[in-house]
Amino acid sequence: MFHSEMMQNHDRREPLPSEVKLFLLQFEPALNLSFYLFRQPQ
């Protein structure tokens, strides 16, 4: 019960949970690098 209330309050405060933001920030450079390498002619 307490956890669901916490999640609702969190959703009202910001659109994305901080954990998701950290996850995306952690993997964005790797994704950009792989995309860049993938576009290079072999």
N, C-alpha and C. Protein backbone atom coordinates (compact mmCIF):
# COMPACT_ATOMS: atom_id res chain seq x y z
N MET A 1 0.84 -1.20 0.00
CA MET A 1 0.00 0.00 0.00
C MET A 1 0.89 1.26 0.00
N PHE A 2 1.85 1.27 0.90
CA PHE A 2 2.76 2.42 0.98
C PHE A 2 3.57 2.56 -0.31
N HIS A 3 3.96 1.43 -0.88
CA HIS A 3 4.78 1.47 -2.10
C HIS A 3 3.98 2.06 -3.26
N SER A 4 2.72 1.68 -3.39
CA SER A 4 1.91 2.21 -4.49
C SER A 4 1.70 3.71 -4.32
N GLU A 5 1.50 4.16 -3.09
CA GLU A 5 1.35 5.60 -2.86
C GLU A 5 2.64 6.32 -3.24
N MET A 6 3.78 5.72 -2.89
CA MET A 6 5.06 6.32 -3.22
C MET A 6 5.21 6.43 -4.74
N MET A 7 4.83 5.39 -5.46
CA MET A 7 4.96 5.40 -6.92
C MET A 7 4.05 6.47 -7.52
N GLN A 8 2.84 6.61 -6.99
CA GLN A 8 1.91 7.62 -7.51
C GLN A 8 2.47 9.02 -7.29
N ASN A 9 3.01 9.26 -6.11
CA ASN A 9 3.60 10.56 -5.83
C ASN A 9 4.78 10.81 -6.76
N HIS A 10 5.57 9.77 -6.99
CA HIS A 10 6.74 9.90 -7.85
C HIS A 10 6.29 10.21 -9.28
N ASP A 11 5.24 9.55 -9.75
CA ASP A 11 4.76 9.78 -11.10
C ASP A 11 4.24 11.21 -11.25
N ARG A 12 3.64 11.74 -10.19
CA ARG A 12 3.15 13.12 -10.28
C ARG A 12 4.31 14.10 -10.30
N ARG A 13 5.41 13.75 -9.62
CA ARG A 13 6.51 14.70 -9.52
C ARG A 13 7.27 14.83 -10.83
N GLU A 14 7.61 13.72 -11.44
CA GLU A 14 8.35 13.78 -12.70
C GLU A 14 7.90 12.65 -13.63
N PRO A 15 7.98 12.86 -14.95
CA PRO A 15 7.48 11.88 -15.93
C PRO A 15 8.25 10.57 -15.89
N LEU A 16 9.58 10.65 -15.70
CA LEU A 16 10.39 9.43 -15.68
C LEU A 16 11.03 9.24 -14.32
N PRO A 17 10.99 8.02 -13.80
CA PRO A 17 11.71 7.74 -12.54
C PRO A 17 13.20 7.99 -12.71
N SER A 18 13.85 8.38 -11.63
CA SER A 18 15.29 8.68 -11.70
C SER A 18 16.07 7.44 -12.10
N GLU A 19 15.57 6.24 -11.72
CA GLU A 19 16.28 5.02 -12.09
C GLU A 19 16.30 4.87 -13.60
N VAL A 20 15.17 5.17 -14.26
CA VAL A 20 15.12 5.05 -15.72
C VAL A 20 16.03 6.08 -16.36
N LYS A 21 16.06 7.29 -15.79
CA LYS A 21 16.93 8.33 -16.34
C LYS A 21 18.39 7.90 -16.25
N LEU A 22 18.77 7.35 -15.08
CA LEU A 22 20.15 6.89 -14.92
C LEU A 22 20.45 5.75 -15.89
N PHE A 23 19.47 4.86 -16.09
CA PHE A 23 19.67 3.74 -17.01
C PHE A 23 19.90 4.24 -18.43
N LEU A 24 19.08 5.20 -18.86
CA LEU A 24 19.23 5.73 -20.21
C LEU A 24 20.53 6.50 -20.36
N LEU A 25 20.88 7.29 -19.33
CA LEU A 25 22.13 8.05 -19.39
C LEU A 25 23.33 7.12 -19.44
N GLN A 26 23.21 5.97 -18.77
CA GLN A 26 24.34 5.04 -18.73
C GLN A 26 24.55 4.37 -20.08
N PHE A 27 23.45 4.10 -20.81
CA PHE A 27 23.57 3.33 -22.05
C PHE A 27 23.51 4.18 -23.31
N GLU A 28 23.19 5.45 -23.17
CA GLU A 28 23.08 6.29 -24.36
C GLU A 28 24.40 6.41 -25.11
N PRO A 29 25.54 6.67 -24.43
CA PRO A 29 26.82 6.75 -25.16
C PRO A 29 27.14 5.47 -25.92
N ALA A 30 26.90 4.31 -25.29
CA ALA A 30 27.18 3.04 -25.96
C ALA A 30 26.29 2.86 -27.18
N LEU A 31 25.01 3.25 -27.04
CA LEU A 31 24.10 3.13 -28.18
C LEU A 31 24.51 4.07 -29.30
N ASN A 32 24.90 5.29 -28.95
CA ASN A 32 25.34 6.23 -29.98
C ASN A 32 26.59 5.72 -30.68
N LEU A 33 27.51 5.17 -29.90
CA LEU A 33 28.76 4.67 -30.49
C LEU A 33 28.48 3.49 -31.41
N SER A 34 27.64 2.56 -30.97
CA SER A 34 27.33 1.40 -31.81
C SER A 34 26.59 1.83 -33.08
N PHE A 35 25.70 2.81 -32.94
CA PHE A 35 24.98 3.32 -34.10
C PHE A 35 25.96 4.00 -35.07
N TYR A 36 26.90 4.75 -34.52
CA TYR A 36 27.90 5.43 -35.35
C TYR A 36 28.77 4.41 -36.09
N LEU A 37 29.21 3.39 -35.36
CA LEU A 37 30.04 2.36 -35.99
C LEU A 37 29.24 1.57 -37.02
N PHE A 38 27.95 1.36 -36.72
CA PHE A 38 27.11 0.59 -37.63
C PHE A 38 26.92 1.33 -38.96
N ARG A 39 26.90 2.66 -38.90
CA ARG A 39 26.68 3.44 -40.12
C ARG A 39 27.95 3.56 -40.96
N GLN A 40 29.09 3.28 -40.36
CA GLN A 40 30.35 3.41 -41.12
C GLN A 40 30.46 2.29 -42.16
N PRO A 41 30.93 2.61 -43.35
CA PRO A 41 31.14 1.57 -44.36
C PRO A 41 32.27 0.63 -43.93
N GLN A 42 32.00 -0.65 -44.05
CA GLN A 42 33.02 -1.63 -43.62
C GLN A 42 34.12 -1.74 -44.68
